[in-house]
Protein backbone atom coordinates (compact mmCIF):
# COMPACT_ATOMS: atom_id res chain seq x y z
CA UNK A 1 33.44 -79.80 78.53
CA UNK A 2 36.81 -78.28 79.39
CA UNK A 3 37.50 -75.00 81.57
CA UNK A 4 38.48 -73.72 78.19
CA UNK A 5 35.49 -74.21 76.31
CA UNK A 6 33.09 -73.06 79.13
CA UNK A 7 35.53 -69.77 79.72
CA UNK A 8 34.54 -69.47 75.24
CA UNK A 9 31.11 -70.22 75.70
CA UNK A 10 31.29 -67.64 78.90
CA UNK A 11 33.07 -65.04 77.17
CA UNK A 12 30.76 -62.03 76.18
CA UNK A 13 27.96 -64.41 75.49
CA UNK A 14 28.75 -65.19 72.00
CA UNK A 15 28.64 -68.88 72.54
CA UNK A 16 24.82 -68.22 73.30
CA UNK A 17 24.11 -65.32 70.95
CA UNK A 18 25.28 -68.22 68.04
CA UNK A 19 23.02 -70.42 69.48
CA UNK A 20 20.18 -68.51 69.37
CA UNK A 21 21.17 -66.55 66.26
CA UNK A 22 20.82 -70.26 64.56
CA UNK A 23 17.73 -71.08 66.29
CA UNK A 24 15.66 -67.94 65.20
CA UNK A 25 16.89 -68.04 61.73
CA UNK A 26 15.67 -71.87 60.96
CA UNK A 27 12.10 -70.36 63.58
CA UNK A 28 12.08 -67.67 60.57
CA UNK A 29 13.06 -69.74 57.36
CA UNK A 30 10.61 -72.31 58.73
CA UNK A 31 7.72 -69.69 59.18
CA UNK A 32 8.64 -67.01 56.13
CA UNK A 33 8.30 -70.72 53.64
CA UNK A 34 4.94 -71.98 55.63
CA UNK A 35 3.36 -68.14 55.28
CA UNK A 36 4.80 -67.77 51.45
CA UNK A 37 3.48 -71.60 50.58
CA UNK A 38 -0.04 -70.94 51.74
CA UNK A 39 -2.16 -69.43 49.63
CA UNK A 40 -5.15 -67.33 51.51
CA UNK A 41 -8.65 -68.74 50.39
CA UNK A 42 -10.61 -66.52 47.99
CA UNK A 43 -14.10 -65.23 49.22
CA UNK A 44 -16.89 -66.21 47.32
CA UNK A 45 -17.29 -63.72 43.98
CA UNK A 46 -13.93 -62.10 44.46
CA UNK A 47 -11.82 -62.54 41.65
CA UNK A 48 -8.82 -64.46 42.20
CA UNK A 49 -5.06 -62.62 41.09
CA UNK A 50 -4.48 -63.40 37.49
CA UNK A 51 -1.42 -65.31 36.24
CA UNK A 52 2.33 -64.38 35.86
CA UNK A 53 2.94 -66.80 32.99
CA UNK A 54 0.89 -68.99 31.01
CA UNK A 55 2.64 -72.32 29.47
CA UNK A 56 1.65 -74.82 27.13
CA UNK A 57 1.43 -78.08 29.71
CA UNK A 58 -1.25 -76.57 31.32
CA UNK A 59 -3.34 -77.78 28.27
CA UNK A 60 -4.05 -80.98 26.32
CA UNK A 61 -3.71 -81.75 22.34
CA UNK A 62 -0.95 -81.38 20.06
CA UNK A 63 2.23 -79.66 21.10
CA UNK A 64 0.95 -76.07 18.78
CA UNK A 65 -2.41 -76.55 19.99
CA UNK A 66 -1.49 -76.52 23.71
CA UNK A 67 0.83 -73.36 22.69
CA UNK A 68 -1.82 -71.56 20.62
CA UNK A 69 -4.06 -71.88 23.52
CA UNK A 70 -1.52 -70.53 26.01
CA UNK A 71 -1.28 -67.73 23.90
CA UNK A 72 -4.79 -67.05 23.46
CA UNK A 73 -5.02 -67.76 27.63
CA UNK A 74 -1.90 -65.45 28.21
CA UNK A 75 -3.92 -62.47 26.41
CA UNK A 76 -7.00 -62.79 28.06
CA UNK A 77 -5.18 -62.12 31.16
CA UNK A 78 -2.35 -59.99 30.03
CA UNK A 79 0.58 -61.73 30.70
CA UNK A 80 3.48 -63.45 29.09
CA UNK A 81 3.51 -67.01 27.77
CA UNK A 82 6.67 -69.15 28.74
CA UNK A 83 7.27 -72.35 26.47
CA UNK A 84 10.00 -74.17 28.83
CA UNK A 85 12.24 -76.93 28.15
CA UNK A 86 10.00 -79.70 29.41
CA UNK A 87 7.24 -80.79 27.51
CA UNK A 88 4.80 -82.46 29.94
CA UNK A 89 1.38 -83.91 28.53
CA UNK A 90 0.37 -86.58 31.14
CA UNK A 91 3.37 -88.94 32.39
CA UNK A 92 5.14 -87.91 28.86
CA UNK A 93 8.12 -85.58 29.38
CA UNK A 94 10.22 -84.70 26.63
CA UNK A 95 12.69 -82.19 25.69
CA UNK A 96 10.87 -80.88 22.49
CA UNK A 97 8.01 -79.16 21.26
CA UNK A 98 7.06 -80.73 17.55
CA UNK A 99 4.60 -77.97 15.72
CA UNK A 100 2.37 -79.46 13.09
CA UNK A 101 1.40 -76.14 11.84
CA UNK A 102 2.69 -72.35 12.94
CA UNK A 103 1.95 -70.75 16.64
CA UNK A 104 0.23 -67.64 15.46
CA UNK A 105 0.48 -64.34 17.04
CA UNK A 106 -2.20 -61.87 17.93
CA UNK A 107 -1.48 -57.87 18.96
CA UNK A 108 0.29 -57.77 22.54
CA UNK A 109 1.83 -61.48 22.72
CA UNK A 110 5.28 -61.87 24.74
CA UNK A 111 6.46 -64.81 24.06
CA UNK A 112 9.34 -66.13 25.92
CA UNK A 113 11.32 -69.57 24.87
CA UNK A 114 13.14 -70.68 28.13
CA UNK A 115 15.67 -73.03 26.91
CA UNK A 116 13.55 -74.76 24.85
CA UNK A 117 13.49 -76.79 21.14
CA UNK A 118 11.05 -76.31 18.47
CA UNK A 119 10.85 -78.30 16.11
CA UNK A 120 8.69 -78.26 12.76
CA UNK A 121 7.17 -82.23 11.86
CA UNK A 122 7.62 -83.80 8.50
CA UNK A 123 3.91 -83.25 8.24
CA UNK A 124 4.03 -79.57 8.52
CA UNK A 125 4.10 -77.02 5.97
CA UNK A 126 4.04 -73.88 7.86
CA UNK A 127 5.94 -71.53 9.48
CA UNK A 128 7.70 -71.34 13.11
CA UNK A 129 5.84 -68.25 14.01
CA UNK A 130 3.40 -66.03 11.80
CA UNK A 131 1.26 -63.35 13.07
CA UNK A 132 -2.39 -63.98 13.27
CA UNK A 133 -3.63 -61.74 10.65
CA UNK A 134 -1.98 -63.44 7.75
CA UNK A 135 -2.43 -66.88 6.23
CA UNK A 136 -4.13 -68.84 3.94
CA UNK A 137 -7.41 -67.75 2.71
CA UNK A 138 -6.59 -64.14 4.49
CA UNK A 139 -7.13 -61.11 1.97
CA UNK A 140 -7.31 -58.25 4.47
CA UNK A 141 -4.25 -57.96 6.38
CA UNK A 142 -5.13 -55.90 9.59
CA UNK A 143 -2.44 -54.11 11.15
CA UNK A 144 -1.20 -55.75 14.66
CA UNK A 145 1.02 -54.39 17.29
CA UNK A 146 3.12 -55.14 20.07
CA UNK A 147 4.48 -59.05 19.14
CA UNK A 148 7.66 -60.09 20.64
CA UNK A 149 9.89 -63.07 20.93
CA UNK A 150 12.47 -63.61 23.21
CA UNK A 151 14.98 -66.80 23.64
CA UNK A 152 15.93 -67.05 27.44
CA UNK A 153 19.38 -69.60 27.30
CA UNK A 154 19.60 -71.84 24.09
CA UNK A 155 16.24 -71.47 22.69
CA UNK A 156 16.48 -73.31 19.34
CA UNK A 157 13.88 -73.25 16.26
CA UNK A 158 14.65 -76.28 13.86
CA UNK A 159 13.25 -77.83 10.86
CA UNK A 160 11.87 -80.88 9.89
CA UNK A 161 13.83 -83.55 9.32
CA UNK A 162 11.98 -84.03 5.96
CA UNK A 163 10.76 -80.48 4.70
CA UNK A 164 7.46 -80.67 2.34
CA UNK A 165 8.62 -77.77 0.86
CA UNK A 166 11.77 -75.38 0.72
CA UNK A 167 12.85 -72.53 -1.19
CA UNK A 168 10.95 -69.48 -2.34
CA UNK A 169 8.33 -68.99 -5.19
CA UNK A 170 10.80 -69.26 -7.34
CA UNK A 171 11.98 -72.84 -6.40
CA UNK A 172 10.53 -76.04 -8.03
CA UNK A 173 9.95 -78.75 -5.93
CA UNK A 174 12.32 -81.63 -6.83
CA UNK A 175 14.29 -80.00 -9.41
CA UNK A 176 15.69 -76.81 -7.41
CA UNK A 177 14.76 -77.47 -3.66
CA UNK A 178 14.17 -80.30 -1.54
CA UNK A 179 10.61 -81.06 -1.16
CA UNK A 180 8.67 -84.49 -0.03
CA UNK A 181 5.84 -82.68 -1.76
CA UNK A 182 7.40 -82.45 -5.32
CA UNK A 183 4.92 -84.46 -7.34
CA UNK A 184 2.07 -84.71 -4.90
CA UNK A 185 -1.42 -84.30 -6.40
CA UNK A 186 -2.84 -81.41 -5.28
CA UNK A 187 0.04 -79.73 -3.33
CA UNK A 188 1.69 -76.28 -4.91
CA UNK A 189 4.94 -77.66 -6.81
CA UNK A 190 6.98 -75.17 -5.42
CA UNK A 191 7.96 -73.02 -2.47
CA UNK A 192 6.16 -69.86 -0.80
CA UNK A 193 5.64 -68.17 2.45
CA UNK A 194 5.10 -70.79 4.33
CA UNK A 195 8.46 -71.87 4.08
CA UNK A 196 9.62 -68.75 5.62
CA UNK A 197 10.91 -69.54 9.65
CA UNK A 198 9.20 -66.14 11.27
CA UNK A 199 7.08 -64.52 9.48
CA UNK A 200 5.51 -60.74 10.45
CA UNK A 201 3.11 -58.90 8.45
CA UNK A 202 1.52 -55.10 8.68
CA UNK A 203 3.14 -54.98 12.49
CA UNK A 204 4.79 -52.14 14.87
CA UNK A 205 6.03 -52.40 17.74
CA UNK A 206 7.64 -55.99 17.77
CA UNK A 207 10.83 -57.59 18.79
CA UNK A 208 12.63 -61.48 17.99
CA UNK A 209 15.86 -61.66 19.79
CA UNK A 210 18.47 -64.02 21.66
CA UNK A 211 17.20 -67.14 18.96
CA UNK A 212 19.05 -69.75 17.15
CA UNK A 213 17.30 -70.86 14.26
CA UNK A 214 18.49 -74.22 12.16
CA UNK A 215 18.00 -75.73 9.05
CA UNK A 216 15.19 -73.69 7.68
CA UNK A 217 13.35 -73.94 5.34
CA UNK A 218 13.64 -70.52 3.46
CA UNK A 219 13.89 -67.37 4.70
CA UNK A 220 14.53 -67.77 8.45
CA UNK A 221 12.71 -63.80 8.95
CA UNK A 222 10.86 -61.98 6.59
CA UNK A 223 8.90 -58.80 7.63
CA UNK A 224 6.89 -57.42 5.45
CA UNK A 225 5.58 -54.14 6.01
CA UNK A 226 6.48 -53.55 9.47
CA UNK A 227 8.04 -50.83 11.70
CA UNK A 228 9.51 -50.27 15.11
CA UNK A 229 11.21 -53.31 15.87
CA UNK A 230 14.15 -54.98 17.49
CA UNK A 231 16.09 -57.71 15.63
CA UNK A 232 19.08 -58.77 18.19
CA UNK A 233 21.21 -61.81 18.96
CA UNK A 234 19.92 -64.04 16.17
CA UNK A 235 22.16 -67.00 15.47
CA UNK A 236 21.42 -68.52 11.55
CA UNK A 237 23.08 -72.41 11.09
CA UNK A 238 21.84 -73.05 8.02
CA UNK A 239 23.71 -74.35 4.33
CA UNK A 240 21.75 -74.29 2.00
CA UNK A 241 21.80 -78.32 1.70
CA UNK A 242 21.09 -80.89 4.51
CA UNK A 243 21.52 -84.78 4.17
CA UNK A 244 18.37 -86.24 4.27
CA UNK A 245 18.47 -90.56 4.68
CA UNK A 246 22.02 -90.61 3.77
CA UNK A 247 21.39 -88.02 0.65
CA UNK A 248 22.63 -84.67 0.32
CA UNK A 249 19.87 -82.60 -0.38
CA UNK A 250 19.45 -79.02 -1.75
CA UNK A 251 17.71 -76.07 0.41
CA UNK A 252 17.53 -72.96 -1.45
CA UNK A 253 17.15 -69.38 -0.07
CA UNK A 254 18.01 -70.07 3.59
CA UNK A 255 18.78 -66.17 4.26
CA UNK A 256 18.84 -65.21 7.37
CA UNK A 257 16.65 -62.35 7.81
CA UNK A 258 14.60 -60.72 4.54
CA UNK A 259 14.45 -57.28 4.78
CA UNK A 260 12.90 -54.13 1.98
CA UNK A 261 16.10 -52.26 1.99
CA UNK A 262 14.96 -48.50 0.95
CA UNK A 263 17.97 -46.04 0.00
CA UNK A 264 18.37 -42.60 1.79
CA UNK A 265 19.15 -39.35 0.34
CA UNK A 266 23.16 -38.85 0.84
CA UNK A 267 23.88 -36.99 3.56
CA UNK A 268 26.57 -34.33 4.35
CA UNK A 269 29.94 -35.68 6.06
CA UNK A 270 30.11 -34.59 9.68
CA UNK A 271 25.55 -34.41 9.96
CA UNK A 272 23.63 -36.34 11.64
CA UNK A 273 23.57 -39.74 9.47
CA UNK A 274 27.28 -39.39 8.41
CA UNK A 275 28.83 -38.10 11.41
CA UNK A 276 32.25 -39.41 10.21
CA UNK A 277 32.03 -38.71 6.45
CA UNK A 278 33.91 -36.60 4.93
CA UNK A 279 32.96 -32.60 5.50
CA UNK A 280 35.08 -31.29 2.36
CA UNK A 281 32.79 -33.02 -0.34
CA UNK A 282 29.58 -31.04 -1.07
CA UNK A 283 26.87 -33.65 -1.51
CA UNK A 284 24.65 -31.01 -3.10
CA UNK A 285 27.24 -30.66 -6.30
CA UNK A 286 27.64 -34.26 -6.15
CA UNK A 287 23.64 -34.69 -6.70
CA UNK A 288 23.73 -31.48 -9.19
CA UNK A 289 26.28 -33.74 -11.13
CA UNK A 290 24.11 -36.54 -11.07
CA UNK A 291 20.68 -34.67 -12.03
CA UNK A 292 22.93 -33.54 -15.48
CA UNK A 293 24.22 -36.94 -16.01
CA UNK A 294 21.27 -38.84 -15.21
CA UNK A 295 17.33 -38.41 -17.41
CA UNK A 296 14.76 -37.46 -15.18
CA UNK A 297 12.59 -40.11 -16.58
CA UNK A 298 14.85 -42.66 -15.21
CA UNK A 299 15.57 -40.84 -12.02
CA UNK A 300 11.72 -40.96 -11.35
CA UNK A 301 11.50 -44.97 -10.96
CA UNK A 302 14.36 -44.81 -8.12
CA UNK A 303 12.99 -42.44 -5.70
CA UNK A 304 14.72 -42.40 -2.15
CA UNK A 305 12.54 -42.38 0.89
CA UNK A 306 13.64 -38.69 1.90
CA UNK A 307 14.09 -37.36 -1.13
CA UNK A 308 15.68 -33.62 -1.35
CA UNK A 309 13.83 -30.65 -2.29
CA UNK A 310 14.98 -30.89 -6.26
CA UNK A 311 14.39 -34.73 -6.43
CA UNK A 312 10.63 -34.39 -5.20
CA UNK A 313 8.62 -36.31 -7.38
CA UNK A 314 5.42 -33.86 -8.23
CA UNK A 315 3.40 -36.87 -9.94
CA UNK A 316 2.78 -39.60 -7.78
CA UNK A 317 0.57 -41.71 -10.54
CA UNK A 318 4.07 -42.79 -12.20
CA UNK A 319 5.35 -44.50 -9.38
CA UNK A 320 3.95 -48.33 -9.16
CA UNK A 321 5.91 -48.98 -5.85
CA UNK A 322 6.16 -47.43 -2.88
CA UNK A 323 5.47 -43.92 -2.40
CA UNK A 324 8.55 -41.60 -0.72
CA UNK A 325 7.31 -39.57 2.23
CA UNK A 326 8.43 -36.31 0.47
CA UNK A 327 6.03 -33.98 1.93
CA UNK A 328 4.39 -32.33 -1.42
CA UNK A 329 1.25 -31.41 -1.92
CA UNK A 330 -1.69 -33.60 -4.01
CA UNK A 331 -1.25 -32.08 -7.83
CA UNK A 332 -3.96 -29.54 -8.66
CA UNK A 333 -4.06 -31.06 -12.65
CA UNK A 334 -6.44 -34.11 -11.19
CA UNK A 335 -10.02 -33.09 -10.53
CA UNK A 336 -12.28 -35.72 -9.86
CA UNK A 337 -14.26 -37.71 -12.29
CA UNK A 338 -17.48 -37.23 -10.54
CA UNK A 339 -18.61 -35.30 -7.19
CA UNK A 340 -18.02 -37.92 -4.06
CA UNK A 341 -15.83 -40.04 -6.32
CA UNK A 342 -12.13 -40.07 -7.11
CA UNK A 343 -10.12 -41.23 -10.36
CA UNK A 344 -7.63 -44.43 -9.01
CA UNK A 345 -5.14 -41.43 -9.70
CA UNK A 346 -6.35 -38.90 -7.70
CA UNK A 347 -7.17 -41.36 -4.46
CA UNK A 348 -3.30 -42.32 -4.21
CA UNK A 349 -2.56 -38.87 -4.33
CA UNK A 350 -5.07 -38.20 -0.93
CA UNK A 351 -4.43 -41.35 0.90
CA UNK A 352 -0.74 -40.06 0.44
CA UNK A 353 -1.42 -36.18 1.66
CA UNK A 354 -3.51 -37.62 4.51
CA UNK A 355 -1.09 -39.63 5.51
CA UNK A 356 1.53 -36.75 5.39
CA UNK A 357 3.44 -38.02 3.12
């Protein structure tokens, strides 16, 4: 070592301090790694800590069976389900999860799709995801809550190569929309709700986000009687046709999101709900002109969900669909048929009042 190098090492002890810093850092890293990886033994009779996540790679069966088992296990443990990019079962390792039936979602389910690709098989005539309260043979749809589907990175839901059925219930298979079930005895010859990509029914507090849905068999997402939800960062890639075995086939009703649209009454410009509207246009005057020009019986057929006082519908029996939330009392002119019984009309009215409608 030269005199200059010895002087540099000796100067203020800088070289020694650097060397000891490196040694201590290595020791700390090694020790930290050992202590982190080590799992303390669980005493007999002591419950182990619940898992942070559950993946379908921990289970056996078909892909959809393993995913549904993971969802049940996560519900029991109170944690989320992660469907990873790699589908590992034994010695097999694939970048694909193939569904023969729908993934079922009970209440309090959080499914995370981590850069994975989920595809419907050619045998599947079902949804990608469906709330567990509905399906074939279920007539009583019970309410569910807290269902969340979130993609991480590039998460893809992809339709089958040769779908058994496509389109909605008004589309005949083979004649209007493609389906290998066309002409098959015992199979429905029209599309139906099973062609919907993600189907949630009677679910409150839900979210669907950061997914790419490719070649859906009908509507990509349908929300039936759902409330308090969030849809965001969704990518739909469907063109109402698909090249199958060298032939261009028609696939109808590939809407992205199917929603029930309910009109609200007009709001005055500058007020909440119409902040950027014309402040000098009197909404009440416009509605007054409308009332004078449209017969009352026709107006009653098109109720808005939050009608003004003048447009409240007092006779709820004339409504065959949704009842607006208008805060009216039950009509006094409808007596009960017998003691402790109600006519169908009175039952509808009392239920609406009990619900605060």
